[in-house]
PDB file of N, CA and C in Angstrom:
ATOM      1  N   MET A   1     124.178  34.294  98.800  1.00  0.00           N
ATOM      2  CA  MET A   1     124.057  35.576  98.151  1.00  0.00           C
ATOM      3  C   MET A   1     123.223  35.480  96.879  1.00  0.00           C
ATOM      4  N   GLY A   2     123.260  34.389  96.158  1.00  0.00           N
ATOM      5  CA  GLY A   2     122.455  34.257  94.949  1.00  0.00           C
ATOM      6  C   GLY A   2     123.287  34.317  93.694  1.00  0.00           C
ATOM      7  N   VAL A   3     122.678  33.910  92.610  1.00  0.00           N
ATOM      8  CA  VAL A   3     123.310  33.922  91.301  1.00  0.00           C
ATOM      9  C   VAL A   3     122.805  35.137  90.532  1.00  0.00           C
ATOM     10  N   TYR A   4     123.719  35.823  89.874  1.00  0.00           N
ATOM     11  CA  TYR A   4     123.380  37.032  89.130  1.00  0.00           C
ATOM     12  C   TYR A   4     123.576  36.840  87.632  1.00  0.00           C
ATOM     13  N   VAL A   5     122.823  37.629  86.895  1.00  0.00           N
ATOM     14  CA  VAL A   5     122.923  37.667  85.445  1.00  0.00           C
ATOM     15  C   VAL A   5     123.143  39.129  85.051  1.00  0.00           C
ATOM     16  N   SER A   6     124.208  39.376  84.311  1.00  0.00           N
ATOM     17  CA  SER A   6     124.489  40.728  83.816  1.00  0.00           C
ATOM     18  C   SER A   6     123.792  40.887  82.473  1.00  0.00           C
ATOM     19  N   VAL A   7     122.824  41.785  82.440  1.00  0.00           N
ATOM     20  CA  VAL A   7     122.029  41.985  81.228  1.00  0.00           C
ATOM     21  C   VAL A   7     122.318  43.374  80.675  1.00  0.00           C
ATOM     22  N   ARG A   8     122.607  43.422  79.380  1.00  0.00           N
ATOM     23  CA  ARG A   8     122.808  44.710  78.732  1.00  0.00           C
ATOM     24  C   ARG A   8     122.394  44.587  77.277  1.00  0.00           C
ATOM     25  N   GLY A   9     121.718  45.639  76.807  1.00  0.00           N
ATOM     26  CA  GLY A   9     121.276  45.615  75.424  1.00  0.00           C
ATOM     27  C   GLY A   9     120.352  46.760  75.103  1.00  0.00           C
ATOM     28  N   TRP A  10     119.761  46.699  73.899  1.00  0.00           N
ATOM     29  CA  TRP A  10     118.935  47.805  73.440  1.00  0.00           C
ATOM     30  C   TRP A  10     117.794  47.321  72.562  1.00  0.00           C
ATOM     31  N   LEU A  11     116.824  48.212  72.441  1.00  0.00           N
ATOM     32  CA  LEU A  11     115.682  48.043  71.546  1.00  0.00           C
ATOM     33  C   LEU A  11     115.672  49.203  70.569  1.00  0.00           C
ATOM     34  N   GLU A  12     115.180  48.941  69.358  1.00  0.00           N
ATOM     35  CA  GLU A  12     114.993  49.983  68.355  1.00  0.00           C
ATOM     36  C   GLU A  12     113.514  50.028  68.008  1.00  0.00           C
ATOM     37  N   CYS A  13     112.952  51.245  67.982  1.00  0.00           N
ATOM     38  CA  CYS A  13     111.516  51.378  67.751  1.00  0.00           C
ATOM     39  C   CYS A  13     111.221  52.752  67.163  1.00  0.00           C
ATOM     40  N   ASP A  14     109.938  53.026  66.940  1.00  0.00           N
ATOM     41  CA  ASP A  14     109.538  54.358  66.498  1.00  0.00           C
ATOM     42  C   ASP A  14     108.856  55.083  67.658  1.00  0.00           C
ATOM     43  N   GLN A  15     108.403  56.296  67.426  1.00  0.00           N
ATOM     44  CA  GLN A  15     107.837  57.118  68.504  1.00  0.00           C
ATOM     45  C   GLN A  15     106.599  56.476  69.134  1.00  0.00           C
ATOM     46  N   LYS A  16     105.687  55.953  68.325  1.00  0.00           N
ATOM     47  CA  LYS A  16     104.478  55.334  68.883  1.00  0.00           C
ATOM     48  C   LYS A  16     104.826  54.080  69.682  1.00  0.00           C
ATOM     49  N   GLN A  17     105.731  53.287  69.161  1.00  0.00           N
ATOM     50  CA  GLN A  17     106.146  52.088  69.896  1.00  0.00           C
ATOM     51  C   GLN A  17     106.859  52.464  71.189  1.00  0.00           C
ATOM     52  N   LEU A  18     107.613  53.553  71.170  1.00  0.00           N
ATOM     53  CA  LEU A  18     108.288  54.006  72.384  1.00  0.00           C
ATOM     54  C   LEU A  18     107.279  54.292  73.487  1.00  0.00           C
ATOM     55  N   ALA A  19     106.186  54.955  73.154  1.00  0.00           N
ATOM     56  CA  ALA A  19     105.152  55.239  74.152  1.00  0.00           C
ATOM     57  C   ALA A  19     104.585  53.941  74.720  1.00  0.00           C
ATOM     58  N   ALA A  20     104.364  52.946  73.870  1.00  0.00           N
ATOM     59  CA  ALA A  20     103.849  51.652  74.332  1.00  0.00           C
ATOM     60  C   ALA A  20     104.882  50.928  75.187  1.00  0.00           C
ATOM     61  N   ILE A  21     106.150  51.039  74.841  1.00  0.00           N
ATOM     62  CA  ILE A  21     107.215  50.428  75.637  1.00  0.00           C
ATOM     63  C   ILE A  21     107.255  51.054  77.028  1.00  0.00           C
ATOM     64  N   GLN A  22     107.118  52.366  77.094  1.00  0.00           N
ATOM     65  CA  GLN A  22     107.099  53.038  78.394  1.00  0.00           C
ATOM     66  C   GLN A  22     105.942  52.524  79.251  1.00  0.00           C
ATOM     67  N   GLU A  23     104.795  52.286  78.650  1.00  0.00           N
ATOM     68  CA  GLU A  23     103.647  51.747  79.384  1.00  0.00           C
ATOM     69  C   GLU A  23     103.935  50.339  79.898  1.00  0.00           C
ATOM     70  N   ILE A  24     104.554  49.515  79.079  1.00  0.00           N
ATOM     71  CA  ILE A  24     104.889  48.145  79.501  1.00  0.00           C
ATOM     72  C   ILE A  24     105.876  48.182  80.663  1.00  0.00           C
ATOM     73  N   ILE A  25     106.901  49.003  80.552  1.00  0.00           N
ATOM     74  CA  ILE A  25     107.890  49.109  81.630  1.00  0.00           C
ATOM     75  C   ILE A  25     107.211  49.579  82.917  1.00  0.00           C
ATOM     76  N   SER A  26     106.355  50.577  82.828  1.00  0.00           N
ATOM     77  CA  SER A  26     105.652  51.087  84.013  1.00  0.00           C
ATOM     78  C   SER A  26     104.756  50.015  84.629  1.00  0.00           C
ATOM     79  N   ALA A  27     104.110  49.230  83.793  1.00  0.00           N
ATOM     80  CA  ALA A  27     103.217  48.181  84.296  1.00  0.00           C
ATOM     81  C   ALA A  27     103.977  47.081  85.026  1.00  0.00           C
ATOM     82  N   HIS A  28     105.269  46.920  84.724  1.00  0.00           N
ATOM     83  CA  HIS A  28     106.091  45.886  85.359  1.00  0.00           C
ATOM     84  C   HIS A  28     107.060  46.458  86.394  1.00  0.00           C
ATOM     85  N   ASP A  29     106.867  47.713  86.776  1.00  0.00           N
ATOM     86  CA  ASP A  29     107.797  48.374  87.691  1.00  0.00           C
ATOM     87  C   ASP A  29     107.893  47.611  89.009  1.00  0.00           C
ATOM     88  N   ASP A  30     109.091  47.172  89.329  1.00  0.00           N
ATOM     89  CA  ASP A  30     109.319  46.451  90.584  1.00  0.00           C
ATOM     90  C   ASP A  30     109.968  47.339  91.635  1.00  0.00           C
ATOM     91  N   GLY A  31     110.227  48.600  91.290  1.00  0.00           N
ATOM     92  CA  GLY A  31     110.816  49.527  92.238  1.00  0.00           C
ATOM     93  C   GLY A  31     112.318  49.356  92.417  1.00  0.00           C
ATOM     94  N   PHE A  32     112.918  48.401  91.716  1.00  0.00           N
ATOM     95  CA  PHE A  32     114.354  48.180  91.878  1.00  0.00           C
ATOM     96  C   PHE A  32     115.032  47.928  90.530  1.00  0.00           C
ATOM     97  N   TYR A  33     114.827  46.749  89.952  1.00  0.00           N
ATOM     98  CA  TYR A  33     115.472  46.423  88.682  1.00  0.00           C
ATOM     99  C   TYR A  33     114.946  47.263  87.524  1.00  0.00           C
ATOM    100  N   THR A  34     113.802  47.863  87.690  1.00  0.00           N
ATOM    101  CA  THR A  34     113.267  48.749  86.659  1.00  0.00           C
ATOM    102  C   THR A  34     114.220  49.916  86.406  1.00  0.00           C
ATOM    103  N   ARG A  35     115.022  50.250  87.399  1.00  0.00           N
ATOM    104  CA  ARG A  35     115.969  51.349  87.255  1.00  0.00           C
ATOM    105  C   ARG A  35     117.006  51.094  86.164  1.00  0.00           C
ATOM    106  N   GLY A  36     117.112  49.843  85.686  1.00  0.00           N
ATOM    107  CA  GLY A  36     118.059  49.523  84.624  1.00  0.00           C
ATOM    108  C   GLY A  36     117.647  50.016  83.256  1.00  0.00           C
ATOM    109  N   TRP A  37     116.358  50.385  83.104  1.00  0.00           N
ATOM    110  CA  TRP A  37     115.877  50.897  81.815  1.00  0.00           C
ATOM    111  C   TRP A  37     116.330  52.335  81.614  1.00  0.00           C
ATOM    112  N   SER A  38     116.720  52.657  80.402  1.00  0.00           N
ATOM    113  CA  SER A  38     117.099  54.025  80.050  1.00  0.00           C
ATOM    114  C   SER A  38     116.372  54.401  78.765  1.00  0.00           C
ATOM    115  N   LEU A  39     115.609  55.475  78.854  1.00  0.00           N
ATOM    116  CA  LEU A  39     114.809  55.951  77.722  1.00  0.00           C
ATOM    117  C   LEU A  39     115.374  57.278  77.235  1.00  0.00           C
ATOM    118  N   PRO A  40     115.177  57.601  75.959  1.00  0.00           N
ATOM    119  CA  PRO A  40     115.723  58.863  75.451  1.00  0.00           C
ATOM    120  C   PRO A  40     115.099  60.075  76.130  1.00  0.00           C
ATOM    121  N   ARG A  41     115.949  61.023  76.524  1.00  0.00           N
ATOM    122  CA  ARG A  41     115.457  62.267  77.115  1.00  0.00           C
ATOM    123  C   ARG A  41     114.844  63.162  76.065  1.00  0.00           C
ATOM    124  N   GLU A  42     115.551  63.330  74.986  1.00  0.00           N
ATOM    125  CA  GLU A  42     115.125  64.213  73.897  1.00  0.00           C
ATOM    126  C   GLU A  42     115.379  63.468  72.589  1.00  0.00           C
ATOM    127  N   PRO A  43     114.408  62.703  72.119  1.00  0.00           N
ATOM    128  CA  PRO A  43     114.630  61.954  70.875  1.00  0.00           C
ATOM    129  C   PRO A  43     114.934  62.881  69.700  1.00  0.00           C
ATOM    130  N   PHE A  44     115.728  62.372  68.778  1.00  0.00           N
ATOM    131  CA  PHE A  44     116.021  63.098  67.552  1.00  0.00           C
ATOM    132  C   PHE A  44     115.987  62.105  66.393  1.00  0.00           C
ATOM    133  N   ASN A  45     115.724  62.591  65.229  1.00  0.00           N
ATOM    134  CA  ASN A  45     115.568  61.787  64.028  1.00  0.00           C
ATOM    135  C   ASN A  45     114.461  60.753  64.196  1.00  0.00           C
ATOM    136  N   TRP A  46     114.524  59.649  63.526  1.00  0.00           N
ATOM    137  CA  TRP A  46     113.349  58.770  63.434  1.00  0.00           C
ATOM    138  C   TRP A  46     113.403  57.523  64.295  1.00  0.00           C
ATOM    139  N   THR A  47     114.572  56.959  64.539  1.00  0.00           N
ATOM    140  CA  THR A  47     114.656  55.744  65.344  1.00  0.00           C
ATOM    141  C   THR A  47     114.823  56.108  66.804  1.00  0.00           C
ATOM    142  N   ARG A  48     114.057  55.426  67.666  1.00  0.00           N
ATOM    143  CA  ARG A  48     114.186  55.606  69.116  1.00  0.00           C
ATOM    144  C   ARG A  48     114.911  54.382  69.665  1.00  0.00           C
ATOM    145  N   TYR A  49     115.813  54.606  70.598  1.00  0.00           N
ATOM    146  CA  TYR A  49     116.578  53.530  71.208  1.00  0.00           C
ATOM    147  C   TYR A  49     116.274  53.499  72.696  1.00  0.00           C
ATOM    148  N   VAL A  50     116.029  52.305  73.189  1.00  0.00           N
ATOM    149  CA  VAL A  50     115.751  52.084  74.604  1.00  0.00           C
ATOM    150  C   VAL A  50     116.789  51.075  75.090  1.00  0.00           C
ATOM    151  N   PHE A  51     117.439  51.379  76.196  1.00  0.00           N
ATOM    152  CA  PHE A  51     118.522  50.535  76.692  1.00  0.00           C
ATOM    153  C   PHE A  51     118.164  49.923  78.042  1.00  0.00           C
ATOM    154  N   TYR A  52     118.734  48.742  78.283  1.00  0.00           N
ATOM    155  CA  TYR A  52     118.659  48.153  79.613  1.00  0.00           C
ATOM    156  C   TYR A  52     120.056  47.685  79.979  1.00  0.00           C
ATOM    157  N   GLY A  53     120.444  47.951  81.213  1.00  0.00           N
ATOM    158  CA  GLY A  53     121.716  47.467  81.722  1.00  0.00           C
ATOM    159  C   GLY A  53     121.617  47.273  83.214  1.00  0.00           C
ATOM    160  N   GLY A  54     121.990  46.084  83.666  1.00  0.00           N
ATOM    161  CA  GLY A  54     121.980  45.842  85.099  1.00  0.00           C
ATOM    162  C   GLY A  54     122.342  44.411  85.440  1.00  0.00           C
ATOM    163  N   ASP A  55     122.821  44.242  86.647  1.00  0.00           N
ATOM    164  CA  ASP A  55     123.082  42.915  87.198  1.00  0.00           C
ATOM    165  C   ASP A  55     121.859  42.539  88.006  1.00  0.00           C
ATOM    166  N   ILE A  56     121.160  41.504  87.554  1.00  0.00           N
ATOM    167  CA  ILE A  56     119.915  41.113  88.208  1.00  0.00           C
ATOM    168  C   ILE A  56     120.034  39.682  88.734  1.00  0.00           C
ATOM    169  N   ARG A  57     119.292  39.413  89.784  1.00  0.00           N
ATOM    170  CA  ARG A  57     119.269  38.041  90.302  1.00  0.00           C
ATOM    171  C   ARG A  57     118.649  37.120  89.263  1.00  0.00           C
ATOM    172  N   GLN A  58     119.100  35.886  89.263  1.00  0.00           N
ATOM    173  CA  GLN A  58     118.601  34.881  88.334  1.00  0.00           C
ATOM    174  C   GLN A  58     117.077  34.801  88.358  1.00  0.00           C
ATOM    175  N   GLN A  59     116.479  34.960  89.541  1.00  0.00           N
ATOM    176  CA  GLN A  59     115.027  34.887  89.678  1.00  0.00           C
ATOM    177  C   GLN A  59     114.309  36.009  88.933  1.00  0.00           C
ATOM    178  N   ALA A  60     114.996  37.108  88.634  1.00  0.00           N
ATOM    179  CA  ALA A  60     114.377  38.246  87.958  1.00  0.00           C
ATOM    180  C   ALA A  60     114.462  38.141  86.437  1.00  0.00           C
ATOM    181  N   VAL A  61     115.157  37.141  85.923  1.00  0.00           N
ATOM    182  CA  VAL A  61     115.303  37.005  84.473  1.00  0.00           C
ATOM    183  C   VAL A  61     113.940  36.842  83.813  1.00  0.00           C
ATOM    184  N   ASP A  62     113.069  36.011  84.379  1.00  0.00           N
ATOM    185  CA  ASP A  62     111.739  35.831  83.788  1.00  0.00           C
ATOM    186  C   ASP A  62     110.938  37.130  83.815  1.00  0.00           C
ATOM    187  N   TRP A  63     111.118  37.932  84.842  1.00  0.00           N
ATOM    188  CA  TRP A  63     110.463  39.246  84.924  1.00  0.00           C
ATOM    189  C   TRP A  63     110.870  40.108  83.729  1.00  0.00           C
ATOM    190  N   LEU A  64     112.175  40.154  83.442  1.00  0.00           N
ATOM    191  CA  LEU A  64     112.668  40.968  82.337  1.00  0.00           C
ATOM    192  C   LEU A  64     112.276  40.367  80.989  1.00  0.00           C
ATOM    193  N   LEU A  65     112.382  39.055  80.844  1.00  0.00           N
ATOM    194  CA  LEU A  65     111.992  38.410  79.592  1.00  0.00           C
ATOM    195  C   LEU A  65     110.496  38.589  79.323  1.00  0.00           C
ATOM    196  N   GLY A  66     109.688  38.629  80.373  1.00  0.00           N
ATOM    197  CA  GLY A  66     108.254  38.879  80.199  1.00  0.00           C
ATOM    198  C   GLY A  66     108.008  40.253  79.591  1.00  0.00           C
ATOM    199  N   GLN A  67     108.745  41.241  80.067  1.00  0.00           N
ATOM    200  CA  GLN A  67     108.623  42.588  79.500  1.00  0.00           C
ATOM    201  C   GLN A  67     109.072  42.600  78.041  1.00  0.00           C
ATOM    202  N   LEU A  68     110.213  41.966  77.777  1.00  0.00           N
ATOM    203  CA  LEU A  68     110.725  41.940  76.413  1.00  0.00           C
ATOM    204  C   LEU A  68     109.771  41.213  75.472  1.00  0.00           C
ATOM    205  N   GLY A  69     109.117  40.165  75.961  1.00  0.00           N
ATOM    206  CA  GLY A  69     108.133  39.469  75.147  1.00  0.00           C
ATOM    207  C   GLY A  69     106.956  40.361  74.805  1.00  0.00           C
ATOM    208  N   SER A  70     106.464  41.105  75.783  1.00  0.00           N
ATOM    209  CA  SER A  70     105.363  42.040  75.530  1.00  0.00           C
ATOM    210  C   SER A  70     105.783  43.131  74.560  1.00  0.00           C
ATOM    211  N   ILE A  71     106.997  43.603  74.713  1.00  0.00           N
ATOM    212  CA  ILE A  71     107.512  44.641  73.823  1.00  0.00           C
ATOM    213  C   ILE A  71     107.682  44.093  72.405  1.00  0.00           C
ATOM    214  N   ALA A  72     108.211  42.894  72.291  1.00  0.00           N
ATOM    215  CA  ALA A  72     108.430  42.290  70.967  1.00  0.00           C
ATOM    216  C   ALA A  72     107.127  42.138  70.199  1.00  0.00           C
ATOM    217  N   ARG A  73     106.032  41.896  70.905  1.00  0.00           N
ATOM    218  CA  ARG A  73     104.735  41.674  70.259  1.00  0.00           C
ATOM    219  C   ARG A  73     104.008  42.966  69.885  1.00  0.00           C
ATOM    220  N   LEU A  74     104.591  44.114  70.184  1.00  0.00           N
ATOM    221  CA  LEU A  74     103.949  45.368  69.798  1.00  0.00           C
ATOM    222  C   LEU A  74     103.795  45.413  68.279  1.00  0.00           C
ATOM    223  N   PRO A  75     102.665  45.891  67.808  1.00  0.00           N
ATOM    224  CA  PRO A  75     102.462  45.941  66.354  1.00  0.00           C
ATOM    225  C   PRO A  75     103.276  47.060  65.705  1.00  0.00           C
ATOM    226  N   ALA A  76     103.471  46.910  64.427  1.00  0.00           N
ATOM    227  CA  ALA A  76     104.083  47.989  63.649  1.00  0.00           C
ATOM    228  C   ALA A  76     103.138  49.186  63.682  1.00  0.00           C
ATOM    229  N   SER A  77     103.703  50.373  63.646  1.00  0.00           N
ATOM    230  CA  SER A  77     102.850  51.559  63.743  1.00  0.00           C
ATOM    231  C   SER A  77     103.124  52.570  62.633  1.00  0.00           C
ATOM    232  N   ASP A  78     103.846  52.141  61.624  1.00  0.00           N
ATOM    233  CA  ASP A  78     104.100  53.039  60.504  1.00  0.00           C
ATOM    234  C   ASP A  78     103.955  52.281  59.187  1.00  0.00           C
ATOM    235  N   PRO A  79     103.942  52.972  58.083  1.00  0.00           N
ATOM    236  CA  PRO A  79     103.748  52.321  56.780  1.00  0.00           C
ATOM    237  C   PRO A  79     104.839  51.311  56.420  1.00  0.00           C
ATOM    238  N   ASP A  80     106.007  51.424  57.059  1.00  0.00           N
ATOM    239  CA  ASP A  80     107.090  50.481  56.778  1.00  0.00           C
ATOM    240  C   ASP A  80     106.868  49.120  57.453  1.00  0.00           C
ATOM    241  N   ASN A  81     105.895  49.049  58.352  1.00  0.00           N
ATOM    242  CA  ASN A  81     105.601  47.821  59.102  1.00  0.00           C
ATOM    243  C   ASN A  81     106.791  47.314  59.910  1.00  0.00           C
ATOM    244  N   ASP A  82     107.577  48.234  60.447  1.00  0.00           N
ATOM    245  CA  ASP A  82     108.724  47.845  61.268  1.00  0.00           C
ATOM    246  C   ASP A  82     108.268  47.443  62.661  1.00  0.00           C
ATOM    247  N   LEU A  83     108.664  46.258  63.073  1.00  0.00           N
ATOM    248  CA  LEU A  83     108.421  45.809  64.439  1.00  0.00           C
ATOM    249  C   LEU A  83     109.593  46.245  65.312  1.00  0.00           C
ATOM    250  N   VAL A  84     109.389  46.226  66.609  1.00  0.00           N
ATOM    251  CA  VAL A  84     110.482  46.512  67.538  1.00  0.00           C
ATOM    252  C   VAL A  84     111.540  45.422  67.347  1.00  0.00           C
ATOM    253  N   ARG A  85     112.784  45.826  67.376  1.00  0.00           N
ATOM    254  CA  ARG A  85     113.878  44.865  67.271  1.00  0.00           C
ATOM    255  C   ARG A  85     114.963  45.259  68.259  1.00  0.00           C
ATOM    256  N   GLY A  86     115.825  44.309  68.574  1.00  0.00           N
ATOM    257  CA  GLY A  86     116.894  44.621  69.508  1.00  0.00           C
ATOM    258  C   GLY A  86     117.786  43.438  69.785  1.00  0.00           C
ATOM    259  N   LEU A  87     118.766  43.671  70.624  1.00  0.00           N
ATOM    260  CA  LEU A  87     119.741  42.652  70.980  1.00  0.00           C
ATOM    261  C   LEU A  87     120.189  42.880  72.419  1.00  0.00           C
ATOM    262  N   PHE A  88     120.202  41.792  73.177  1.00  0.00           N
ATOM    263  CA  PHE A  88     120.667  41.828  74.560  1.00  0.00           C
ATOM    264  C   PHE A  88     121.659  40.694  74.776  1.00  0.00           C
ATOM    265  N   PHE A  89     122.641  40.940  75.621  1.00  0.00           N
ATOM    266  CA  PHE A  89     123.558  39.911  76.064  1.00  0.00           C
ATOM    267  C   PHE A  89     123.291  39.680  77.538  1.00  0.00           C
ATOM    268  N   ALA A  90     123.132  38.425  77.910  1.00  0.00           N
ATOM    269  CA  ALA A  90     122.885  38.063  79.300  1.00  0.00           C
ATOM    270  C   ALA A  90     124.004  37.142  79.761  1.00  0.00           C
ATOM    271  N   GLY A  91     124.828  37.638  80.669  1.00  0.00           N
ATOM    272  CA  GLY A  91     125.947  36.857  81.190  1.00  0.00           C
ATOM    273  C   GLY A  91     125.571  36.237  82.523  1.00  0.00           C
ATOM    274  N   HIS A  92     125.277  34.952  82.513  1.00  0.00           N
ATOM    275  CA  HIS A  92     124.892  34.199  83.710  1.00  0.00           C
ATOM    276  C   HIS A  92     126.159  33.730  84.419  1.00  0.00           C
ATOM    277  N   GLU A  93     126.215  33.926  85.739  1.00  0.00           N
ATOM    278  CA  GLU A  93     127.421  33.566  86.499  1.00  0.00           C
ATOM    279  C   GLU A  93     127.801  32.097  86.342  1.00  0.00           C
ATOM    280  N   ALA A  94     126.819  31.218  86.244  1.00  0.00           N
ATOM    281  CA  ALA A  94     127.104  29.781  86.163  1.00  0.00           C
ATOM    282  C   ALA A  94     126.948  29.213  84.759  1.00  0.00           C
ATOM    283  N   ASP A  95     125.979  29.698  84.009  1.00  0.00           N
ATOM    284  CA  ASP A  95     125.652  29.107  82.711  1.00  0.00           C
ATOM    285  C   ASP A  95     126.293  29.803  81.522  1.00  0.00           C
ATOM    286  N   GLY A  96     127.007  30.883  81.739  1.00  0.00           N
ATOM    287  CA  GLY A  96     127.647  31.587  80.647  1.00  0.00           C
ATOM    288  C   GLY A  96     126.727  32.575  79.956  1.00  0.00           C
ATOM    289  N   MET A  97     127.140  32.997  78.771  1.00  0.00           N
ATOM    290  CA  MET A  97     126.428  34.055  78.057  1.00  0.00           C
ATOM    291  C   MET A  97     125.367  33.505  77.125  1.00  0.00           C
ATOM    292  N   SER A  98     124.287  34.275  77.012  1.00  0.00           N
ATOM    293  CA  SER A  98     123.269  34.007  75.994  1.00  0.00           C
ATOM    294  C   SER A  98     122.920  35.312  75.305  1.00  0.00           C
ATOM    295  N   GLU A  99     122.404  35.173  74.092  1.00  0.00           N
ATOM    296  CA  GLU A  99     121.925  36.320  73.326  1.00  0.00           C
ATOM    297  C   GLU A  99     120.412  36.277  73.300  1.00  0.00           C
ATOM    298  N   TRP A 100     119.810  37.410  73.555  1.00  0.00           N
ATOM    299  CA  TRP A 100     118.355  37.547  73.464  1.00  0.00           C
ATOM    300  C   TRP A 100     118.094  38.485  72.297  1.00  0.00           C
ATOM    301  N   ARG A 101     117.579  37.949  71.209  1.00  0.00           N
ATOM    302  CA  ARG A 101     117.288  38.754  70.027  1.00  0.00           C
ATOM    303  C   ARG A 101     115.795  39.046  69.973  1.00  0.00           C
ATOM    304  N   ILE A 102     115.462  40.299  69.860  1.00  0.00           N
ATOM    305  CA  ILE A 102     114.070  40.717  69.701  1.00  0.00           C
ATOM    306  C   ILE A 102     113.908  40.928  68.198  1.00  0.00           C
ATOM    307  N   HIS A 103     113.116  40.026  67.596  1.00  0.00           N
ATOM    308  CA  HIS A 103     113.054  39.987  66.132  1.00  0.00           C
ATOM    309  C   HIS A 103     111.754  39.337  65.692  1.00  0.00           C
ATOM    310  N   GLN A 104     111.069  39.949  64.748  1.00  0.00           N
ATOM    311  CA  GLN A 104     109.843  39.412  64.162  1.00  0.00           C
ATOM    312  C   GLN A 104     108.789  39.053  65.216  1.00  0.00           C
ATOM    313  N   GLY A 105     108.657  39.909  66.220  1.00  0.00           N
ATOM    314  CA  GLY A 105     107.631  39.734  67.234  1.00  0.00           C
ATOM    315  C   GLY A 105     107.936  38.706  68.307  1.00  0.00           C
ATOM    316  N   GLN A 106     109.175  38.278  68.401  1.00  0.00           N
ATOM    317  CA  GLN A 106     109.557  37.243  69.372  1.00  0.00           C
ATOM    318  C   GLN A 106     110.842  37.621  70.096  1.00  0.00           C
ATOM    319  N   VAL A 107     111.066  36.938  71.211  1.00  0.00           N
ATOM    320  CA  VAL A 107     112.358  36.976  71.886  1.00  0.00           C
ATOM    321  C   VAL A 107     113.006  35.631  71.604  1.00  0.00           C
ATOM    322  N   LEU A 108     114.083  35.657  70.856  1.00  0.00           N
ATOM    323  CA  LEU A 108     114.789  34.438  70.468  1.00  0.00           C
ATOM    324  C   LEU A 108     116.057  34.335  71.300  1.00  0.00           C
ATOM    325  N   ILE A 109     116.204  33.236  72.020  1.00  0.00           N
ATOM    326  CA  ILE A 109     117.340  33.064  72.926  1.00  0.00           C
ATOM    327  C   ILE A 109     118.255  31.983  72.373  1.00  0.00           C
ATOM    328  N   SER A 110     119.538  32.300  72.326  1.00  0.00           N
ATOM    329  CA  SER A 110     120.531  31.335  71.862  1.00  0.00           C
ATOM    330  C   SER A 110     121.807  31.513  72.680  1.00  0.00           C
ATOM    331  N   PRO A 111     122.688  30.506  72.661  1.00  0.00           N
ATOM    332  CA  PRO A 111     123.966  30.669  73.363  1.00  0.00           C
ATOM    333  C   PRO A 111     124.715  31.871  72.799  1.00  0.00           C
ATOM    334  N   GLY A 112     125.423  32.550  73.661  1.00  0.00           N
ATOM    335  CA  GLY A 112     126.183  33.717  73.225  1.00  0.00           C
ATOM    336  C   GLY A 112     127.368  33.319  72.369  1.00  0.00           C
ATOM    337  N   ASP A 113     127.613  34.096  71.357  1.00  0.00           N
ATOM    338  CA  ASP A 113     128.757  33.872  70.485  1.00  0.00           C
ATOM    339  C   ASP A 113     130.035  34.061  71.291  1.00  0.00           C
ATOM    340  N   LYS A 114     131.014  33.219  71.053  1.00  0.00           N
ATOM    341  CA  LYS A 114     132.257  33.291  71.818  1.00  0.00           C
ATOM    342  C   LYS A 114     132.976  34.635  71.659  1.00  0.00           C
ATOM    343  N   ARG A 115     132.675  35.362  70.578  1.00  0.00           N
ATOM    344  CA  ARG A 115     133.300  36.675  70.383  1.00  0.00           C
ATOM    345  C   ARG A 115     132.941  37.651  71.496  1.00  0.00           C
ATOM    346  N   TYR A 116     131.809  37.426  72.170  1.00  0.00           N
ATOM    347  CA  TYR A 116     131.346  38.360  73.186  1.00  0.00           C
ATOM    348  C   TYR A 116     131.629  37.899  74.612  1.00  0.00           C
ATOM    349  N   ARG A 117     132.336  36.813  74.755  1.00  0.00           N
ATOM    350  CA  ARG A 117     132.625  36.304  76.102  1.00  0.00           C
ATOM    351  C   ARG A 117     133.501  37.265  76.912  1.00  0.00           C
ATOM    352  N   TYR A 118     134.275  38.088  76.214  1.00  0.00           N
ATOM    353  CA  TYR A 118     135.104  39.058  76.937  1.00  0.00           C
ATOM    354  C   TYR A 118     134.262  39.984  77.812  1.00  0.00           C
ATOM    355  N   LEU A 119     132.975  40.153  77.474  1.00  0.00           N
ATOM    356  CA  LEU A 119     132.121  41.020  78.268  1.00  0.00           C
ATOM    357  C   LEU A 119     131.878  40.465  79.670  1.00  0.00           C
ATOM    358  N   ASP A 120     132.058  39.175  79.840  1.00  0.00           N
ATOM    359  CA  ASP A 120     131.824  38.549  81.134  1.00  0.00           C
ATOM    360  C   ASP A 120     133.100  38.150  81.858  1.00  0.00           C
ATOM    361  N   ASP A 121     134.263  38.562  81.326  1.00  0.00           N
ATOM    362  CA  ASP A 121     135.538  38.237  81.991  1.00  0.00           C
ATOM    363  C   ASP A 121     135.745  39.091  83.205  1.00  0.00           C
TER     364      ASP A 121
END
């Protein structure tokens, strides 16, 4: 049947970055796991949030990390120089949990904090 990874998390961005994120997601559309992305229907205020949630096969992790890497490298688009940032938890059936932090133009992966292990129970 295969090994699955439960991925859930979010990105924070501005309106211009949101448009670029939508383009990246569309460019990587696989017709299946892409359905895990959730974009705001009617944004309000200044921060835009983009969510991903889904159980994906282990082989698809690189597909998703590739998108997150492209998204992380998006340039700042406002005077505050804010880059896209976010946090994802990836619960691997065999290897346990990891945290994927989108920060300072990178995807930083580290073992998941034990406080969040309840998410994979």
